[in-house]
Amino acid sequence: MKHRIDALDEATMTYSYTLIEGDPLMDKLEKVTYETKMEASEDGGTKGKSGSTYYTKPGVEIKAGKEKAAGLLKAVEAYLLANPESYA
């Protein structure tokens, strides 16, 4: 895979990058951009927000794959919230 860093801002704790080459794109995607932002939480910890944008080639539908990815992230989040000792 080949990624391009688009932005890295320590002041706002944001990071964005783009997947521009590699197997995950298959022949369906032009590129995928990812954005991550970290914020201080009220309890003294940190919470992260992330998002992605998929740029498809003409005529390609990726809704099912995107829903699978979102489901995986929710499962990981649920596990980490239930098991905070696993990532000290």
PDB file of N, CA and C in Angstrom:
ATOM      1  N   MET A   1       0.833  -1.173   0.000  1.00  0.00           N
ATOM      2  CA  MET A   1       0.000   0.000   0.000  1.00  0.00           C
ATOM      3  C   MET A   1       0.879   1.238   0.000  1.00  0.00           C
ATOM      4  N   LYS A   2       0.379   2.278  -0.600  1.00  0.00           N
ATOM      5  CA  LYS A   2       1.086   3.549  -0.600  1.00  0.00           C
ATOM      6  C   LYS A   2       0.139   4.614  -0.064  1.00  0.00           C
ATOM      7  N   HIS A   3       0.604   5.331   0.960  1.00  0.00           N
ATOM      8  CA  HIS A   3      -0.166   6.413   1.570  1.00  0.00           C
ATOM      9  C   HIS A   3       0.528   7.744   1.343  1.00  0.00           C
ATOM     10  N   ARG A   4      -0.272   8.790   1.324  1.00  0.00           N
ATOM     11  CA  ARG A   4       0.253  10.154   1.240  1.00  0.00           C
ATOM     12  C   ARG A   4      -0.267  10.906   2.469  1.00  0.00           C
ATOM     13  N   ILE A   5       0.630  11.511   3.221  1.00  0.00           N
ATOM     14  CA  ILE A   5       0.217  12.325   4.363  1.00  0.00           C
ATOM     15  C   ILE A   5      -0.259  13.662   3.824  1.00  0.00           C
ATOM     16  N   ASP A   6      -1.493  14.015   4.159  1.00  0.00           N
ATOM     17  CA  ASP A   6      -2.080  15.263   3.672  1.00  0.00           C
ATOM     18  C   ASP A   6      -1.954  16.391   4.691  1.00  0.00           C
ATOM     19  N   ALA A   7      -2.087  16.065   5.969  1.00  0.00           N
ATOM     20  CA  ALA A   7      -1.993  17.099   7.008  1.00  0.00           C
ATOM     21  C   ALA A   7      -1.628  16.449   8.330  1.00  0.00           C
ATOM     22  N   LEU A   8      -0.818  17.149   9.095  1.00  0.00           N
ATOM     23  CA  LEU A   8      -0.443  16.736  10.440  1.00  0.00           C
ATOM     24  C   LEU A   8      -0.317  18.018  11.248  1.00  0.00           C
ATOM     25  N   ASP A   9      -1.232  18.217  12.190  1.00  0.00           N
ATOM     26  CA  ASP A   9      -1.269  19.466  12.941  1.00  0.00           C
ATOM     27  C   ASP A   9      -1.239  19.149  14.433  1.00  0.00           C
ATOM     28  N   GLU A  10      -0.101  19.374  15.057  1.00  0.00           N
ATOM     29  CA  GLU A  10       0.037  19.087  16.488  1.00  0.00           C
ATOM     30  C   GLU A  10      -0.828  20.011  17.336  1.00  0.00           C
ATOM     31  N   ALA A  11      -1.013  21.252  16.904  1.00  0.00           N
ATOM     32  CA  ALA A  11      -1.799  22.213  17.685  1.00  0.00           C
ATOM     33  C   ALA A  11      -3.257  21.774  17.815  1.00  0.00           C
ATOM     34  N   THR A  12      -3.827  21.238  16.738  1.00  0.00           N
ATOM     35  CA  THR A  12      -5.230  20.803  16.784  1.00  0.00           C
ATOM     36  C   THR A  12      -5.358  19.289  16.941  1.00  0.00           C
ATOM     37  N   MET A  13      -4.232  18.613  17.036  1.00  0.00           N
ATOM     38  CA  MET A  13      -4.166  17.148  17.171  1.00  0.00           C
ATOM     39  C   MET A  13      -4.980  16.453  16.074  1.00  0.00           C
ATOM     40  N   THR A  14      -4.716  16.862  14.823  1.00  0.00           N
ATOM     41  CA  THR A  14      -5.382  16.247  13.683  1.00  0.00           C
ATOM     42  C   THR A  14      -4.349  15.661  12.731  1.00  0.00           C
ATOM     43  N   TYR A  15      -4.777  14.626  12.024  1.00  0.00           N
ATOM     44  CA  TYR A  15      -3.917  13.925  11.081  1.00  0.00           C
ATOM     45  C   TYR A  15      -4.798  13.436   9.945  1.00  0.00           C
ATOM     46  N   SER A  16      -4.394  13.672   8.719  1.00  0.00           N
ATOM     47  CA  SER A  16      -5.133  13.128   7.592  1.00  0.00           C
ATOM     48  C   SER A  16      -4.151  12.564   6.571  1.00  0.00           C
ATOM     49  N   TYR A  17      -4.575  11.484   5.961  1.00  0.00           N
ATOM     50  CA  TYR A  17      -3.747  10.842   4.953  1.00  0.00           C
ATOM     51  C   TYR A  17      -4.638  10.173   3.921  1.00  0.00           C
ATOM     52  N   THR A  18      -4.046   9.825   2.776  1.00  0.00           N
ATOM     53  CA  THR A  18      -4.790   9.228   1.678  1.00  0.00           C
ATOM     54  C   THR A  18      -4.116   7.949   1.221  1.00  0.00           C
ATOM     55  N   LEU A  19      -4.908   6.901   1.062  1.00  0.00           N
ATOM     56  CA  LEU A  19      -4.446   5.653   0.462  1.00  0.00           C
ATOM     57  C   LEU A  19      -4.527   5.859  -1.047  1.00  0.00           C
ATOM     58  N   ILE A  20      -3.384   5.821  -1.724  1.00  0.00           N
ATOM     59  CA  ILE A  20      -3.361   6.129  -3.144  1.00  0.00           C
ATOM     60  C   ILE A  20      -2.974   4.942  -4.032  1.00  0.00           C
ATOM     61  N   GLU A  21      -2.407   3.879  -3.435  1.00  0.00           N
ATOM     62  CA  GLU A  21      -2.034   2.683  -4.196  1.00  0.00           C
ATOM     63  C   GLU A  21      -2.114   1.469  -3.300  1.00  0.00           C
ATOM     64  N   GLY A  22      -2.477   0.328  -3.876  1.00  0.00           N
ATOM     65  CA  GLY A  22      -2.418  -0.920  -3.127  1.00  0.00           C
ATOM     66  C   GLY A  22      -3.641  -1.793  -3.321  1.00  0.00           C
ATOM     67  N   ASP A  23      -3.534  -3.027  -2.845  1.00  0.00           N
ATOM     68  CA  ASP A  23      -4.594  -4.014  -2.996  1.00  0.00           C
ATOM     69  C   ASP A  23      -5.949  -3.589  -2.431  1.00  0.00           C
ATOM     70  N   PRO A  24      -6.004  -2.880  -1.284  1.00  0.00           N
ATOM     71  CA  PRO A  24      -7.324  -2.519  -0.757  1.00  0.00           C
ATOM     72  C   PRO A  24      -8.173  -1.694  -1.737  1.00  0.00           C
ATOM     73  N   LEU A  25      -7.519  -0.996  -2.662  1.00  0.00           N
ATOM     74  CA  LEU A  25      -8.275  -0.207  -3.636  1.00  0.00           C
ATOM     75  C   LEU A  25      -8.908  -1.095  -4.702  1.00  0.00           C
ATOM     76  N   MET A  26      -8.316  -2.256  -4.911  1.00  0.00           N
ATOM     77  CA  MET A  26      -8.757  -3.174  -5.961  1.00  0.00           C
ATOM     78  C   MET A  26      -8.929  -2.387  -7.254  1.00  0.00           C
ATOM     79  N   ASP A  27      -9.951  -2.693  -7.993  1.00  0.00           N
ATOM     80  CA  ASP A  27     -10.221  -1.918  -9.205  1.00  0.00           C
ATOM     81  C   ASP A  27     -11.486  -1.092  -9.023  1.00  0.00           C
ATOM     82  N   LYS A  28     -11.885  -0.895  -7.767  1.00  0.00           N
ATOM     83  CA  LYS A  28     -13.138  -0.204  -7.468  1.00  0.00           C
ATOM     84  C   LYS A  28     -12.959   1.222  -6.966  1.00  0.00           C
ATOM     85  N   LEU A  29     -11.797   1.521  -6.401  1.00  0.00           N
ATOM     86  CA  LEU A  29     -11.597   2.824  -5.768  1.00  0.00           C
ATOM     87  C   LEU A  29     -10.444   3.600  -6.399  1.00  0.00           C
ATOM     88  N   GLU A  30     -10.638   4.898  -6.515  1.00  0.00           N
ATOM     89  CA  GLU A  30      -9.557   5.779  -6.948  1.00  0.00           C
ATOM     90  C   GLU A  30      -8.597   6.017  -5.777  1.00  0.00           C
ATOM     91  N   LYS A  31      -9.187   6.296  -4.596  1.00  0.00           N
ATOM     92  CA  LYS A  31      -8.410   6.570  -3.394  1.00  0.00           C
ATOM     93  C   LYS A  31      -9.346   6.547  -2.198  1.00  0.00           C
ATOM     94  N   VAL A  32      -8.757   6.537  -0.991  1.00  0.00           N
ATOM     95  CA  VAL A  32      -9.512   6.635   0.255  1.00  0.00           C
ATOM     96  C   VAL A  32      -8.785   7.635   1.135  1.00  0.00           C
ATOM     97  N   THR A  33      -9.504   8.619   1.663  1.00  0.00           N
ATOM     98  CA  THR A  33      -8.886   9.570   2.583  1.00  0.00           C
ATOM     99  C   THR A  33      -9.362   9.285   3.998  1.00  0.00           C
ATOM    100  N   TYR A  34      -8.472   9.490   4.949  1.00  0.00           N
ATOM    101  CA  TYR A  34      -8.753   9.243   6.357  1.00  0.00           C
ATOM    102  C   TYR A  34      -8.419  10.490   7.161  1.00  0.00           C
ATOM    103  N   GLU A  35      -9.267  10.815   8.119  1.00  0.00           N
ATOM    104  CA  GLU A  35      -9.028  11.946   9.009  1.00  0.00           C
ATOM    105  C   GLU A  35      -9.141  11.457  10.448  1.00  0.00           C
ATOM    106  N   THR A  36      -8.220  11.885  11.301  1.00  0.00           N
ATOM    107  CA  THR A  36      -8.228  11.523  12.713  1.00  0.00           C
ATOM    108  C   THR A  36      -8.034  12.783  13.540  1.00  0.00           C
ATOM    109  N   LYS A  37      -8.822  12.910  14.605  1.00  0.00           N
ATOM    110  CA  LYS A  37      -8.689  14.045  15.511  1.00  0.00           C
ATOM    111  C   LYS A  37      -8.759  13.521  16.935  1.00  0.00           C
ATOM    112  N   MET A  38      -7.815  13.937  17.757  1.00  0.00           N
ATOM    113  CA  MET A  38      -7.807  13.572  19.171  1.00  0.00           C
ATOM    114  C   MET A  38      -8.232  14.793  19.979  1.00  0.00           C
ATOM    115  N   GLU A  39      -9.024  14.558  21.026  1.00  0.00           N
ATOM    116  CA  GLU A  39      -9.490  15.644  21.887  1.00  0.00           C
ATOM    117  C   GLU A  39      -9.393  15.212  23.340  1.00  0.00           C
ATOM    118  N   ALA A  40      -9.137  16.156  24.205  1.00  0.00           N
ATOM    119  CA  ALA A  40      -9.138  15.871  25.643  1.00  0.00           C
ATOM    120  C   ALA A  40     -10.575  15.612  26.069  1.00  0.00           C
ATOM    121  N   SER A  41     -10.774  14.596  26.896  1.00  0.00           N
ATOM    122  CA  SER A  41     -12.112  14.315  27.399  1.00  0.00           C
ATOM    123  C   SER A  41     -12.271  14.912  28.796  1.00  0.00           C
ATOM    124  N   GLU A  42     -13.503  15.015  29.232  1.00  0.00           N
ATOM    125  CA  GLU A  42     -13.800  15.642  30.521  1.00  0.00           C
ATOM    126  C   GLU A  42     -13.221  14.878  31.706  1.00  0.00           C
ATOM    127  N   ASP A  43     -12.999  13.577  31.538  1.00  0.00           N
ATOM    128  CA  ASP A  43     -12.486  12.769  32.643  1.00  0.00           C
ATOM    129  C   ASP A  43     -10.962  12.736  32.703  1.00  0.00           C
ATOM    130  N   GLY A  44     -10.305  13.569  31.907  1.00  0.00           N
ATOM    131  CA  GLY A  44      -8.850  13.624  31.925  1.00  0.00           C
ATOM    132  C   GLY A  44      -8.180  12.735  30.900  1.00  0.00           C
ATOM    133  N   GLY A  45      -8.953  11.964  30.178  1.00  0.00           N
ATOM    134  CA  GLY A  45      -8.397  11.085  29.155  1.00  0.00           C
ATOM    135  C   GLY A  45      -8.421  11.738  27.786  1.00  0.00           C
ATOM    136  N   THR A  46      -8.415  10.922  26.799  1.00  0.00           N
ATOM    137  CA  THR A  46      -8.436  11.398  25.421  1.00  0.00           C
ATOM    138  C   THR A  46      -9.467  10.599  24.646  1.00  0.00           C
ATOM    139  N   LYS A  47     -10.173  11.271  23.756  1.00  0.00           N
ATOM    140  CA  LYS A  47     -11.077  10.557  22.860  1.00  0.00           C
ATOM    141  C   LYS A  47     -10.692  10.895  21.434  1.00  0.00           C
ATOM    142  N   GLY A  48     -10.836   9.924  20.585  1.00  0.00           N
ATOM    143  CA  GLY A  48     -10.471  10.115  19.190  1.00  0.00           C
ATOM    144  C   GLY A  48     -11.684  10.042  18.297  1.00  0.00           C
ATOM    145  N   LYS A  49     -11.637  10.800  17.230  1.00  0.00           N
ATOM    146  CA  LYS A  49     -12.680  10.772  16.207  1.00  0.00           C
ATOM    147  C   LYS A  49     -11.974  10.495  14.893  1.00  0.00           C
ATOM    148  N   SER A  50     -12.578   9.643  14.095  1.00  0.00           N
ATOM    149  CA  SER A  50     -11.979   9.367  12.796  1.00  0.00           C
ATOM    150  C   SER A  50     -13.066   9.237  11.751  1.00  0.00           C
ATOM    151  N   GLY A  51     -12.678   9.507  10.547  1.00  0.00           N
ATOM    152  CA  GLY A  51     -13.602   9.387   9.429  1.00  0.00           C
ATOM    153  C   GLY A  51     -12.838   9.023   8.175  1.00  0.00           C
ATOM    154  N   SER A  52     -13.574   8.571   7.192  1.00  0.00           N
ATOM    155  CA  SER A  52     -12.952   8.218   5.923  1.00  0.00           C
ATOM    156  C   SER A  52     -13.891   8.595   4.785  1.00  0.00           C
ATOM    157  N   THR A  53     -13.291   8.871   3.654  1.00  0.00           N
ATOM    158  CA  THR A  53     -14.044   9.189   2.453  1.00  0.00           C
ATOM    159  C   THR A  53     -13.531   8.293   1.341  1.00  0.00           C
ATOM    160  N   TYR A  54     -14.448   7.582   0.705  1.00  0.00           N
ATOM    161  CA  TYR A  54     -14.103   6.655  -0.361  1.00  0.00           C
ATOM    162  C   TYR A  54     -14.421   7.308  -1.700  1.00  0.00           C
ATOM    163  N   TYR A  55     -13.445   7.320  -2.597  1.00  0.00           N
ATOM    164  CA  TYR A  55     -13.620   7.882  -3.929  1.00  0.00           C
ATOM    165  C   TYR A  55     -13.671   6.712  -4.909  1.00  0.00           C
ATOM    166  N   THR A  56     -14.867   6.387  -5.359  1.00  0.00           N
ATOM    167  CA  THR A  56     -15.060   5.221  -6.214  1.00  0.00           C
ATOM    168  C   THR A  56     -14.842   5.558  -7.684  1.00  0.00           C
ATOM    169  N   LYS A  57     -14.531   4.526  -8.428  1.00  0.00           N
ATOM    170  CA  LYS A  57     -14.474   4.660  -9.877  1.00  0.00           C
ATOM    171  C   LYS A  57     -15.916   4.683 -10.391  1.00  0.00           C
ATOM    172  N   PRO A  58     -16.147   5.225 -11.569  1.00  0.00           N
ATOM    173  CA  PRO A  58     -17.507   5.321 -12.101  1.00  0.00           C
ATOM    174  C   PRO A  58     -18.248   3.986 -12.107  1.00  0.00           C
ATOM    175  N   GLY A  59     -19.496   4.006 -11.636  1.00  0.00           N
ATOM    176  CA  GLY A  59     -20.351   2.824 -11.654  1.00  0.00           C
ATOM    177  C   GLY A  59     -20.143   1.851 -10.511  1.00  0.00           C
ATOM    178  N   VAL A  60     -19.315   2.174  -9.539  1.00  0.00           N
ATOM    179  CA  VAL A  60     -19.012   1.257  -8.439  1.00  0.00           C
ATOM    180  C   VAL A  60     -19.788   1.650  -7.191  1.00  0.00           C
ATOM    181  N   GLU A  61     -20.405   0.668  -6.527  1.00  0.00           N
ATOM    182  CA  GLU A  61     -21.143   0.873  -5.273  1.00  0.00           C
ATOM    183  C   GLU A  61     -20.395   0.154  -4.161  1.00  0.00           C
ATOM    184  N   ILE A  62     -20.116   0.848  -3.051  1.00  0.00           N
ATOM    185  CA  ILE A  62     -19.322   0.242  -1.968  1.00  0.00           C
ATOM    186  C   ILE A  62     -20.036   0.248  -0.626  1.00  0.00           C
ATOM    187  N   LYS A  63     -21.331   0.448  -0.616  1.00  0.00           N
ATOM    188  CA  LYS A  63     -22.073   0.589   0.635  1.00  0.00           C
ATOM    189  C   LYS A  63     -21.872  -0.606   1.574  1.00  0.00           C
ATOM    190  N   ALA A  64     -21.936  -1.813   1.067  1.00  0.00           N
ATOM    191  CA  ALA A  64     -21.803  -3.004   1.927  1.00  0.00           C
ATOM    192  C   ALA A  64     -20.431  -3.059   2.592  1.00  0.00           C
ATOM    193  N   GLY A  65     -19.379  -2.774   1.866  1.00  0.00           N
ATOM    194  CA  GLY A  65     -18.034  -2.797   2.436  1.00  0.00           C
ATOM    195  C   GLY A  65     -17.846  -1.726   3.485  1.00  0.00           C
ATOM    196  N   LYS A  66     -18.424  -0.572   3.254  1.00  0.00           N
ATOM    197  CA  LYS A  66     -18.313   0.524   4.212  1.00  0.00           C
ATOM    198  C   LYS A  66     -19.064   0.176   5.500  1.00  0.00           C
ATOM    199  N   GLU A  67     -20.216  -0.473   5.381  1.00  0.00           N
ATOM    200  CA  GLU A  67     -20.971  -0.888   6.563  1.00  0.00           C
ATOM    201  C   GLU A  67     -20.205  -1.947   7.360  1.00  0.00           C
ATOM    202  N   LYS A  68     -19.518  -2.856   6.687  1.00  0.00           N
ATOM    203  CA  LYS A  68     -18.692  -3.856   7.378  1.00  0.00           C
ATOM    204  C   LYS A  68     -17.578  -3.186   8.163  1.00  0.00           C
ATOM    205  N   ALA A  69     -16.922  -2.218   7.535  1.00  0.00           N
ATOM    206  CA  ALA A  69     -15.824  -1.509   8.206  1.00  0.00           C
ATOM    207  C   ALA A  69     -16.340  -0.770   9.438  1.00  0.00           C
ATOM    208  N   ALA A  70     -17.494  -0.129   9.328  1.00  0.00           N
ATOM    209  CA  ALA A  70     -18.072   0.581  10.470  1.00  0.00           C
ATOM    210  C   ALA A  70     -18.428  -0.398  11.583  1.00  0.00           C
ATOM    211  N   GLY A  71     -18.944  -1.553  11.241  1.00  0.00           N
ATOM    212  CA  GLY A  71     -19.272  -2.571  12.229  1.00  0.00           C
ATOM    213  C   GLY A  71     -18.038  -3.067  12.967  1.00  0.00           C
ATOM    214  N   LEU A  72     -16.953  -3.247  12.248  1.00  0.00           N
ATOM    215  CA  LEU A  72     -15.702  -3.685  12.869  1.00  0.00           C
ATOM    216  C   LEU A  72     -15.199  -2.635  13.856  1.00  0.00           C
ATOM    217  N   LEU A  73     -15.230  -1.372  13.466  1.00  0.00           N
ATOM    218  CA  LEU A  73     -14.784  -0.308  14.371  1.00  0.00           C
ATOM    219  C   LEU A  73     -15.650  -0.255  15.630  1.00  0.00           C
ATOM    220  N   LYS A  74     -16.940  -0.440  15.491  1.00  0.00           N
ATOM    221  CA  LYS A  74     -17.826  -0.430  16.656  1.00  0.00           C
ATOM    222  C   LYS A  74     -17.538  -1.609  17.576  1.00  0.00           C
ATOM    223  N   ALA A  75     -17.217  -2.756  17.001  1.00  0.00           N
ATOM    224  CA  ALA A  75     -16.887  -3.929  17.810  1.00  0.00           C
ATOM    225  C   ALA A  75     -15.582  -3.710  18.579  1.00  0.00           C
ATOM    226  N   VAL A  76     -14.588  -3.143  17.921  1.00  0.00           N
ATOM    227  CA  VAL A  76     -13.311  -2.849  18.588  1.00  0.00           C
ATOM    228  C   VAL A  76     -13.532  -1.838  19.710  1.00  0.00           C
ATOM    229  N   GLU A  77     -14.294  -0.793  19.443  1.00  0.00           N
ATOM    230  CA  GLU A  77     -14.580   0.221  20.459  1.00  0.00           C
ATOM    231  C   GLU A  77     -15.280  -0.404  21.668  1.00  0.00           C
ATOM    232  N   ALA A  78     -16.276  -1.244  21.426  1.00  0.00           N
ATOM    233  CA  ALA A  78     -16.997  -1.888  22.522  1.00  0.00           C
ATOM    234  C   ALA A  78     -16.052  -2.746  23.363  1.00  0.00           C
ATOM    235  N   TYR A  79     -15.163  -3.495  22.705  1.00  0.00           N
ATOM    236  CA  TYR A  79     -14.216  -4.328  23.431  1.00  0.00           C
ATOM    237  C   TYR A  79     -13.281  -3.473  24.286  1.00  0.00           C
ATOM    238  N   LEU A  80     -12.740  -2.415  23.700  1.00  0.00           N
ATOM    239  CA  LEU A  80     -11.807  -1.567  24.440  1.00  0.00           C
ATOM    240  C   LEU A  80     -12.482  -0.866  25.614  1.00  0.00           C
ATOM    241  N   LEU A  81     -13.714  -0.434  25.440  1.00  0.00           N
ATOM    242  CA  LEU A  81     -14.430   0.192  26.548  1.00  0.00           C
ATOM    243  C   LEU A  81     -14.717  -0.807  27.670  1.00  0.00           C
ATOM    244  N   ALA A  82     -14.986  -2.053  27.294  1.00  0.00           N
ATOM    245  CA  ALA A  82     -15.261  -3.094  28.295  1.00  0.00           C
ATOM    246  C   ALA A  82     -13.993  -3.632  28.949  1.00  0.00           C
ATOM    247  N   ASN A  83     -12.843  -3.457  28.307  1.00  0.00           N
ATOM    248  CA  ASN A  83     -11.577  -4.007  28.786  1.00  0.00           C
ATOM    249  C   ASN A  83     -10.461  -2.967  28.786  1.00  0.00           C
ATOM    250  N   PRO A  84     -10.608  -1.895  29.557  1.00  0.00           N
ATOM    251  CA  PRO A  84      -9.603  -0.830  29.519  1.00  0.00           C
ATOM    252  C   PRO A  84      -8.213  -1.273  29.967  1.00  0.00           C
ATOM    253  N   GLU A  85      -8.121  -2.351  30.727  1.00  0.00           N
ATOM    254  CA  GLU A  85      -6.815  -2.824  31.177  1.00  0.00           C
ATOM    255  C   GLU A  85      -5.996  -3.419  30.019  1.00  0.00           C
ATOM    256  N   SER A  86      -6.634  -3.683  28.898  1.00  0.00           N
ATOM    257  CA  SER A  86      -5.931  -4.314  27.784  1.00  0.00           C
ATOM    258  C   SER A  86      -5.136  -3.319  26.944  1.00  0.00           C
ATOM    259  N   TYR A  87      -5.255  -2.033  27.220  1.00  0.00           N
ATOM    260  CA  TYR A  87      -4.522  -1.052  26.415  1.00  0.00           C
ATOM    261  C   TYR A  87      -3.970   0.092  27.276  1.00  0.00           C
ATOM    262  N   ALA A  88      -3.366  -0.218  28.371  1.00  0.00           N
ATOM    263  CA  ALA A  88      -2.876   0.799  29.311  1.00  0.00           C
ATOM    264  C   ALA A  88      -1.895   1.750  28.714  1.00  0.00           C
TER     265      ALA A  88
END
